N, C-alpha and C. Protein backbone atom coordinates (compact mmCIF):
# COMPACT_ATOMS: atom_id res chain seq x y z
N MET A 1 -33.24 67.86 92.12
CA MET A 1 -32.99 68.90 93.25
C MET A 1 -31.35 68.70 93.67
N PRO A 2 -30.63 69.76 93.71
CA PRO A 2 -29.24 69.71 94.21
C PRO A 2 -29.07 69.00 95.40
N TYR A 3 -27.83 68.49 95.53
CA TYR A 3 -27.67 67.78 96.92
C TYR A 3 -27.80 68.61 98.08
N LEU A 4 -27.31 69.87 97.91
CA LEU A 4 -27.22 70.64 99.22
C LEU A 4 -28.66 71.01 99.69
N LYS A 5 -29.57 70.97 98.87
CA LYS A 5 -31.01 71.28 99.28
C LYS A 5 -31.87 70.12 99.50
N THR A 6 -31.23 68.82 99.74
CA THR A 6 -31.81 67.52 100.05
C THR A 6 -31.85 67.52 101.55
N LYS A 7 -32.89 66.99 102.05
CA LYS A 7 -32.90 66.79 103.48
C LYS A 7 -32.38 65.75 103.68
N ASN A 8 -31.77 65.56 104.83
CA ASN A 8 -30.99 64.36 105.37
C ASN A 8 -30.03 63.88 104.45
N ARG A 9 -29.45 64.64 103.86
CA ARG A 9 -28.46 64.35 102.66
C ARG A 9 -27.16 63.64 103.33
N ILE A 10 -26.57 63.79 104.42
CA ILE A 10 -25.14 63.28 104.93
C ILE A 10 -25.78 61.72 105.04
N PRO A 11 -26.58 61.19 105.73
CA PRO A 11 -26.88 59.66 105.66
C PRO A 11 -26.93 59.03 104.22
N LYS A 12 -27.65 59.69 103.53
CA LYS A 12 -27.92 59.22 102.15
C LYS A 12 -26.65 59.26 101.26
N HIS A 13 -26.14 60.16 101.37
CA HIS A 13 -24.61 60.22 100.79
C HIS A 13 -23.62 59.49 101.10
N ALA A 14 -23.42 59.20 102.42
CA ALA A 14 -22.62 58.49 102.85
C ALA A 14 -22.82 57.01 102.31
N LEU A 15 -24.08 56.62 102.12
CA LEU A 15 -24.31 55.26 101.65
C LEU A 15 -23.79 55.04 100.20
N VAL A 16 -24.28 56.23 99.25
CA VAL A 16 -24.01 56.01 97.97
C VAL A 16 -22.55 56.46 97.35
N LEU A 17 -21.79 57.19 98.30
CA LEU A 17 -20.44 57.64 97.81
C LEU A 17 -19.61 56.47 97.39
N PRO A 18 -19.70 55.18 98.22
CA PRO A 18 -18.65 54.14 97.82
C PRO A 18 -19.11 53.56 96.58
N ILE A 19 -20.44 53.69 96.24
CA ILE A 19 -20.74 53.12 94.86
C ILE A 19 -20.43 53.96 93.78
N ILE A 20 -20.75 55.28 94.00
CA ILE A 20 -20.41 56.37 92.96
C ILE A 20 -18.90 56.31 92.68
N SER A 21 -18.01 56.18 93.80
CA SER A 21 -16.65 56.29 93.42
C SER A 21 -16.08 55.04 93.11
N SER A 22 -16.44 53.96 93.07
CA SER A 22 -16.20 52.56 92.55
C SER A 22 -16.36 52.70 91.19
N VAL A 23 -17.32 53.35 90.44
CA VAL A 23 -17.41 53.43 89.23
C VAL A 23 -16.17 54.02 88.39
N VAL A 24 -15.32 54.66 88.95
CA VAL A 24 -13.85 55.33 88.50
C VAL A 24 -13.28 54.01 87.97
N ILE A 25 -13.33 52.80 88.70
CA ILE A 25 -12.34 51.79 88.03
C ILE A 25 -12.67 51.34 86.65
N PRO A 26 -13.99 50.96 86.51
CA PRO A 26 -14.25 50.68 85.11
C PRO A 26 -14.21 51.61 83.91
N ILE A 27 -14.41 52.97 84.40
CA ILE A 27 -14.35 54.04 83.55
C ILE A 27 -12.75 54.18 83.11
N VAL A 28 -11.93 53.98 84.05
CA VAL A 28 -10.41 54.28 83.79
C VAL A 28 -10.18 53.11 82.69
N ILE A 29 -10.40 51.91 83.18
CA ILE A 29 -10.28 50.87 82.28
C ILE A 29 -10.71 50.89 80.92
N LEU A 30 -12.09 51.27 80.81
CA LEU A 30 -12.66 51.23 79.59
C LEU A 30 -11.81 52.45 78.68
N ASP A 31 -11.68 53.61 79.58
CA ASP A 31 -11.16 54.92 78.97
C ASP A 31 -9.83 54.49 78.36
N LEU A 32 -8.87 53.61 78.82
CA LEU A 32 -7.57 53.18 78.25
C LEU A 32 -7.76 52.28 77.26
N TRP A 33 -8.77 51.36 77.28
CA TRP A 33 -8.94 50.49 75.89
C TRP A 33 -9.75 51.28 74.95
N ILE A 34 -10.44 52.33 75.05
CA ILE A 34 -11.05 53.06 73.96
C ILE A 34 -10.02 53.82 73.31
N GLU A 35 -9.03 54.31 74.07
CA GLU A 35 -8.01 55.18 73.67
C GLU A 35 -7.09 54.35 73.02
N PHE A 36 -6.63 53.12 73.33
CA PHE A 36 -5.92 52.31 72.49
C PHE A 36 -6.64 51.99 71.02
N TYR A 37 -7.81 51.89 71.29
CA TYR A 37 -8.76 51.59 69.82
C TYR A 37 -8.50 52.63 69.00
N HIS A 38 -8.85 53.95 69.46
CA HIS A 38 -8.83 55.22 68.80
C HIS A 38 -7.44 55.40 68.21
N ARG A 39 -6.34 55.40 68.86
CA ARG A 39 -5.02 55.56 68.48
C ARG A 39 -4.53 54.60 67.54
N THR A 40 -5.06 53.52 67.42
CA THR A 40 -4.71 52.22 66.69
C THR A 40 -5.35 52.34 65.34
N CYS A 41 -6.92 52.32 65.33
CA CYS A 41 -7.68 51.94 64.28
C CYS A 41 -7.78 53.36 63.49
N PHE A 42 -8.13 54.41 64.08
CA PHE A 42 -8.42 55.56 63.17
C PHE A 42 -7.39 55.91 62.05
N PRO A 43 -5.98 55.87 62.32
CA PRO A 43 -5.08 55.96 61.52
C PRO A 43 -5.41 54.84 60.43
N LEU A 44 -5.75 53.63 60.73
CA LEU A 44 -5.92 52.81 59.50
C LEU A 44 -7.05 53.01 58.67
N TYR A 45 -8.25 53.64 59.40
CA TYR A 45 -9.30 54.12 58.46
C TYR A 45 -9.02 55.40 57.90
N LYS A 46 -7.77 56.20 58.00
CA LYS A 46 -7.45 57.45 57.48
C LYS A 46 -8.44 58.30 58.05
N MET A 47 -8.84 58.25 59.27
CA MET A 47 -9.74 59.08 60.00
C MET A 47 -8.86 60.09 60.96
N PRO A 48 -9.34 61.20 61.12
CA PRO A 48 -8.48 62.07 62.06
C PRO A 48 -9.08 61.78 63.47
N TYR A 49 -8.07 61.94 64.29
CA TYR A 49 -8.27 61.86 65.79
C TYR A 49 -9.43 62.82 66.35
N VAL A 50 -10.14 62.23 67.28
CA VAL A 50 -11.13 63.12 67.99
C VAL A 50 -10.19 63.80 69.05
N LYS A 51 -10.21 65.09 69.27
CA LYS A 51 -9.56 65.74 70.24
C LYS A 51 -10.11 65.56 71.61
N ARG A 52 -9.21 64.93 72.44
CA ARG A 52 -9.93 64.55 73.76
C ARG A 52 -10.09 65.79 74.53
N GLY A 53 -9.33 67.04 74.59
CA GLY A 53 -9.46 68.04 75.30
C GLY A 53 -10.63 68.95 75.17
N ASN A 54 -11.37 68.61 73.84
CA ASN A 54 -12.64 69.14 73.50
C ASN A 54 -13.62 68.64 74.09
N TYR A 55 -13.47 67.46 74.89
CA TYR A 55 -14.45 66.80 75.57
C TYR A 55 -14.40 66.63 77.15
N ILE A 56 -13.27 66.51 77.35
CA ILE A 56 -12.93 66.40 79.06
C ILE A 56 -12.55 67.57 79.60
N LYS A 57 -13.11 68.09 80.66
CA LYS A 57 -12.53 69.10 81.51
C LYS A 57 -12.54 68.56 82.95
N ILE A 58 -11.48 68.58 83.61
CA ILE A 58 -11.51 68.19 84.84
C ILE A 58 -11.08 69.18 85.97
N MET A 59 -10.09 69.82 85.82
CA MET A 59 -9.62 70.88 86.92
C MET A 59 -10.18 72.20 86.80
N ASP A 60 -10.92 72.68 86.09
CA ASP A 60 -11.42 74.05 86.03
C ASP A 60 -12.17 74.41 87.26
N ARG A 61 -13.04 73.42 87.76
CA ARG A 61 -13.96 73.77 88.80
C ARG A 61 -12.90 73.86 90.14
N PHE A 62 -12.03 73.46 90.24
CA PHE A 62 -10.83 73.55 91.27
C PHE A 62 -10.52 75.16 91.75
N ASN A 63 -10.83 76.00 90.44
CA ASN A 63 -10.66 77.45 90.49
C ASN A 63 -11.74 78.04 91.35
N LEU A 64 -12.86 77.55 91.49
CA LEU A 64 -14.07 78.15 92.18
C LEU A 64 -13.83 78.24 93.64
N PRO A 65 -13.86 79.34 94.16
CA PRO A 65 -13.41 79.71 95.59
C PRO A 65 -14.61 79.12 96.45
N TYR A 66 -15.89 78.92 96.02
CA TYR A 66 -16.95 78.70 96.72
C TYR A 66 -17.12 76.97 97.11
N LEU A 67 -16.38 76.33 96.24
CA LEU A 67 -16.41 75.05 96.55
C LEU A 67 -15.43 74.59 97.77
N ASN A 68 -15.82 73.39 98.68
CA ASN A 68 -14.96 72.99 99.45
C ASN A 68 -14.14 71.82 98.95
N THR A 69 -13.24 71.22 99.42
CA THR A 69 -12.50 70.13 98.87
C THR A 69 -13.02 69.18 98.44
N PHE A 70 -13.79 68.70 99.12
CA PHE A 70 -14.73 67.43 98.87
C PHE A 70 -15.48 67.83 97.59
N GLU A 71 -15.97 68.77 97.60
CA GLU A 71 -16.90 69.21 96.41
C GLU A 71 -15.89 69.27 95.09
N LYS A 72 -14.93 69.82 95.23
CA LYS A 72 -14.06 70.19 94.14
C LYS A 72 -13.55 68.78 93.55
N VAL A 73 -13.26 67.84 94.64
CA VAL A 73 -12.59 66.44 94.10
C VAL A 73 -13.89 65.80 93.32
N TYR A 74 -15.08 65.88 93.99
CA TYR A 74 -16.27 65.11 93.28
C TYR A 74 -16.72 66.04 91.90
N CYS A 75 -16.62 67.24 91.66
CA CYS A 75 -16.78 67.80 90.56
C CYS A 75 -15.72 67.54 89.44
N ALA A 76 -14.23 67.20 89.77
CA ALA A 76 -13.33 66.69 88.99
C ALA A 76 -13.62 65.37 88.47
N TYR A 77 -14.21 64.45 89.47
CA TYR A 77 -14.61 63.27 89.15
C TYR A 77 -15.87 63.12 88.13
N CYS A 78 -16.87 63.85 88.40
CA CYS A 78 -17.84 64.05 87.33
C CYS A 78 -17.48 64.63 86.07
N GLY A 79 -16.49 65.71 86.08
CA GLY A 79 -16.20 66.21 84.81
C GLY A 79 -15.63 65.32 83.88
N TYR A 80 -14.59 64.42 84.70
CA TYR A 80 -13.88 63.38 83.82
C TYR A 80 -14.89 62.08 83.52
N ALA A 81 -15.81 61.66 84.37
CA ALA A 81 -16.64 60.50 84.03
C ALA A 81 -17.63 61.11 82.94
N ASN A 82 -18.19 62.23 83.01
CA ASN A 82 -19.05 62.79 82.11
C ASN A 82 -18.39 63.10 80.79
N GLY A 83 -17.24 63.71 80.75
CA GLY A 83 -16.43 64.13 79.71
C GLY A 83 -16.02 63.10 78.87
N VAL A 84 -15.40 62.00 79.49
CA VAL A 84 -14.83 60.94 78.83
C VAL A 84 -15.99 60.22 78.04
N MET A 85 -17.24 60.11 78.82
CA MET A 85 -18.15 59.27 77.98
C MET A 85 -18.81 60.22 76.78
N HIS A 86 -18.83 61.27 76.89
CA HIS A 86 -18.78 62.26 75.62
C HIS A 86 -17.86 62.06 74.51
N TYR A 87 -16.63 62.00 74.92
CA TYR A 87 -15.55 61.68 73.91
C TYR A 87 -15.73 60.38 73.51
N TRP A 88 -16.17 59.20 74.18
CA TRP A 88 -16.23 57.87 73.72
C TRP A 88 -17.38 57.93 72.53
N THR A 89 -18.35 58.71 73.08
CA THR A 89 -19.66 58.78 72.16
C THR A 89 -19.18 59.33 70.83
N GLU A 90 -18.46 60.37 70.87
CA GLU A 90 -17.96 60.95 69.30
C GLU A 90 -17.16 59.82 68.59
N ILE A 91 -16.11 59.07 69.45
CA ILE A 91 -15.27 58.17 68.67
C ILE A 91 -16.30 57.13 68.15
N ALA A 92 -17.32 56.52 68.90
CA ALA A 92 -18.30 55.59 68.45
C ALA A 92 -19.06 55.99 67.34
N ALA A 93 -19.59 57.31 67.28
CA ALA A 93 -20.16 58.05 66.21
C ALA A 93 -19.46 58.19 64.95
N LYS A 94 -18.21 58.30 65.10
CA LYS A 94 -17.16 58.40 63.83
C LYS A 94 -17.06 57.00 63.20
N THR A 95 -17.04 56.07 64.19
CA THR A 95 -16.73 54.64 63.96
C THR A 95 -17.86 54.08 63.14
N GLU A 96 -19.17 54.42 63.52
CA GLU A 96 -20.47 53.94 62.90
C GLU A 96 -20.42 54.77 61.68
N SER A 97 -20.21 55.86 61.55
CA SER A 97 -20.53 56.61 60.40
C SER A 97 -19.62 55.98 59.23
N TYR A 98 -18.21 55.54 59.60
CA TYR A 98 -17.31 54.79 58.72
C TYR A 98 -17.97 53.51 58.23
N TRP A 99 -18.34 52.63 59.36
CA TRP A 99 -18.76 51.39 58.95
C TRP A 99 -20.01 51.11 58.32
N CYS A 100 -20.85 51.90 58.81
CA CYS A 100 -22.40 51.66 58.45
C CYS A 100 -23.39 52.59 58.96
N GLY A 101 -23.25 53.73 58.15
CA GLY A 101 -24.22 54.94 58.60
C GLY A 101 -25.59 54.65 58.04
N ILE A 102 -26.12 53.78 58.77
CA ILE A 102 -27.61 53.35 58.39
C ILE A 102 -28.49 54.10 59.73
N LYS A 103 -29.36 54.71 59.31
CA LYS A 103 -30.48 55.20 60.42
C LYS A 103 -31.11 54.01 61.07
N HIS A 104 -31.27 53.85 62.35
CA HIS A 104 -32.27 52.79 62.65
C HIS A 104 -33.69 52.94 62.44
N GLU A 105 -34.56 51.87 62.49
CA GLU A 105 -35.86 51.92 62.13
C GLU A 105 -36.41 52.85 63.11
N LYS A 106 -37.52 53.55 62.76
CA LYS A 106 -38.12 54.58 63.50
C LYS A 106 -39.09 53.98 64.56
N THR A 107 -39.15 54.08 65.73
CA THR A 107 -40.15 53.88 66.68
C THR A 107 -40.32 55.04 67.48
N PRO A 108 -41.51 55.10 68.11
CA PRO A 108 -41.94 56.09 68.97
C PRO A 108 -40.90 56.25 70.28
N GLN A 109 -40.45 55.20 70.76
CA GLN A 109 -39.29 55.25 71.99
C GLN A 109 -38.16 55.78 71.84
N PHE A 110 -37.43 55.33 70.36
CA PHE A 110 -36.20 55.49 70.26
C PHE A 110 -35.82 57.04 69.94
N ILE A 111 -34.70 57.62 70.75
CA ILE A 111 -34.27 58.71 70.46
C ILE A 111 -33.01 58.69 69.76
N SER A 112 -33.12 59.10 68.32
CA SER A 112 -31.93 58.80 67.32
C SER A 112 -30.89 59.78 67.90
N PRO A 113 -29.59 59.38 67.74
CA PRO A 113 -28.53 60.34 68.09
C PRO A 113 -28.32 61.15 66.87
N GLN A 114 -27.76 62.52 67.37
CA GLN A 114 -27.73 63.57 66.33
C GLN A 114 -26.78 63.11 65.13
N HIS A 115 -25.80 62.32 65.49
CA HIS A 115 -24.81 62.19 64.34
C HIS A 115 -25.57 61.08 63.18
N HIS A 116 -26.80 60.64 63.53
CA HIS A 116 -27.31 60.05 62.57
C HIS A 116 -28.13 60.74 61.37
N GLU A 117 -28.06 62.07 61.53
CA GLU A 117 -28.73 63.04 60.88
C GLU A 117 -28.61 62.68 59.16
N ASN A 118 -27.15 62.53 58.81
CA ASN A 118 -26.65 62.31 57.63
C ASN A 118 -26.74 60.76 57.15
N PHE A 119 -27.14 59.85 57.87
CA PHE A 119 -27.00 58.47 57.67
C PHE A 119 -28.31 58.17 56.55
N ILE A 120 -27.96 56.93 55.91
CA ILE A 120 -28.77 56.45 54.98
C ILE A 120 -30.08 55.91 55.62
N GLU A 121 -31.22 56.24 54.93
CA GLU A 121 -32.56 55.92 55.45
C GLU A 121 -32.56 54.28 55.87
N TYR A 122 -33.18 53.97 56.95
CA TYR A 122 -33.37 52.60 57.25
C TYR A 122 -34.12 51.86 56.02
N GLY A 123 -33.46 50.70 55.55
CA GLY A 123 -34.17 49.88 54.41
C GLY A 123 -33.72 50.51 53.08
N ASP A 124 -32.87 51.59 52.93
CA ASP A 124 -32.62 51.99 51.49
C ASP A 124 -31.41 51.23 50.94
N LYS A 125 -31.56 50.01 50.33
CA LYS A 125 -30.57 49.20 49.93
C LYS A 125 -29.73 49.80 49.08
N GLU A 126 -30.33 50.62 47.84
CA GLU A 126 -29.80 51.02 46.96
C GLU A 126 -28.49 51.97 47.34
N GLU A 127 -28.91 53.01 48.20
CA GLU A 127 -28.09 53.96 48.66
C GLU A 127 -26.86 53.32 49.73
N PHE A 128 -27.31 52.19 50.19
CA PHE A 128 -26.16 51.23 51.05
C PHE A 128 -25.33 51.03 50.05
N LYS A 129 -25.59 50.29 48.98
CA LYS A 129 -24.76 49.88 48.07
C LYS A 129 -24.15 50.69 47.34
N GLN A 130 -24.61 51.94 47.00
CA GLN A 130 -23.80 52.90 46.35
C GLN A 130 -22.60 53.44 47.50
N LYS A 131 -23.15 53.76 48.86
CA LYS A 131 -22.06 54.34 49.64
C LYS A 131 -21.13 53.48 50.09
N TYR A 132 -21.43 52.31 50.55
CA TYR A 132 -20.45 51.17 51.28
C TYR A 132 -19.97 50.09 50.48
N LEU A 133 -20.52 49.69 49.41
CA LEU A 133 -19.96 48.38 48.85
C LEU A 133 -19.13 48.64 47.87
N CYS A 134 -18.00 48.10 47.63
CA CYS A 134 -16.89 48.33 46.60
C CYS A 134 -17.55 47.86 44.93
N LYS A 135 -17.23 48.63 44.17
CA LYS A 135 -17.63 48.17 42.87
C LYS A 135 -16.58 47.64 41.99
C-alpha cells in the first residue's frame, strides 16, 4: 500500500525516516568502493565497463509537478539507492561470468539470477574444465 494511503502515516514515518536516511552512508561508501573495483579490474579483465547511466536515474522525478519537495528528495534518494544496487548487480554478474559461471545447485527455495541462464550446469566438471581451465 502506498504511503499516502496508510492510516496514521505521519508518526510511523517520522520514526523510520532517520533509519531510512542513514542507509545513504553505507550505500555511498560501497558505491565508491565498487566503482573503484569496476574501473580498476574490468580493464585488467579486458571487459567493457558497465554504463552507470543505464542503471541509475536520480533527478527525473524532480520534474513531476505533483510531488512536493520532501517527496522529490526521497524519490531521488530511492532512485539512487535502487539504481546503484541494480548497477552493482550488473557489475557482480559480469564478474561472476568471467571468473566462474557455474549455476547453483537447484533447490526449491533458490531463485536463480537471470544472468545464470548461460552458465555451466552445476556439477558439469568437463564443461568447467573446457571453459575455464588453461590447456
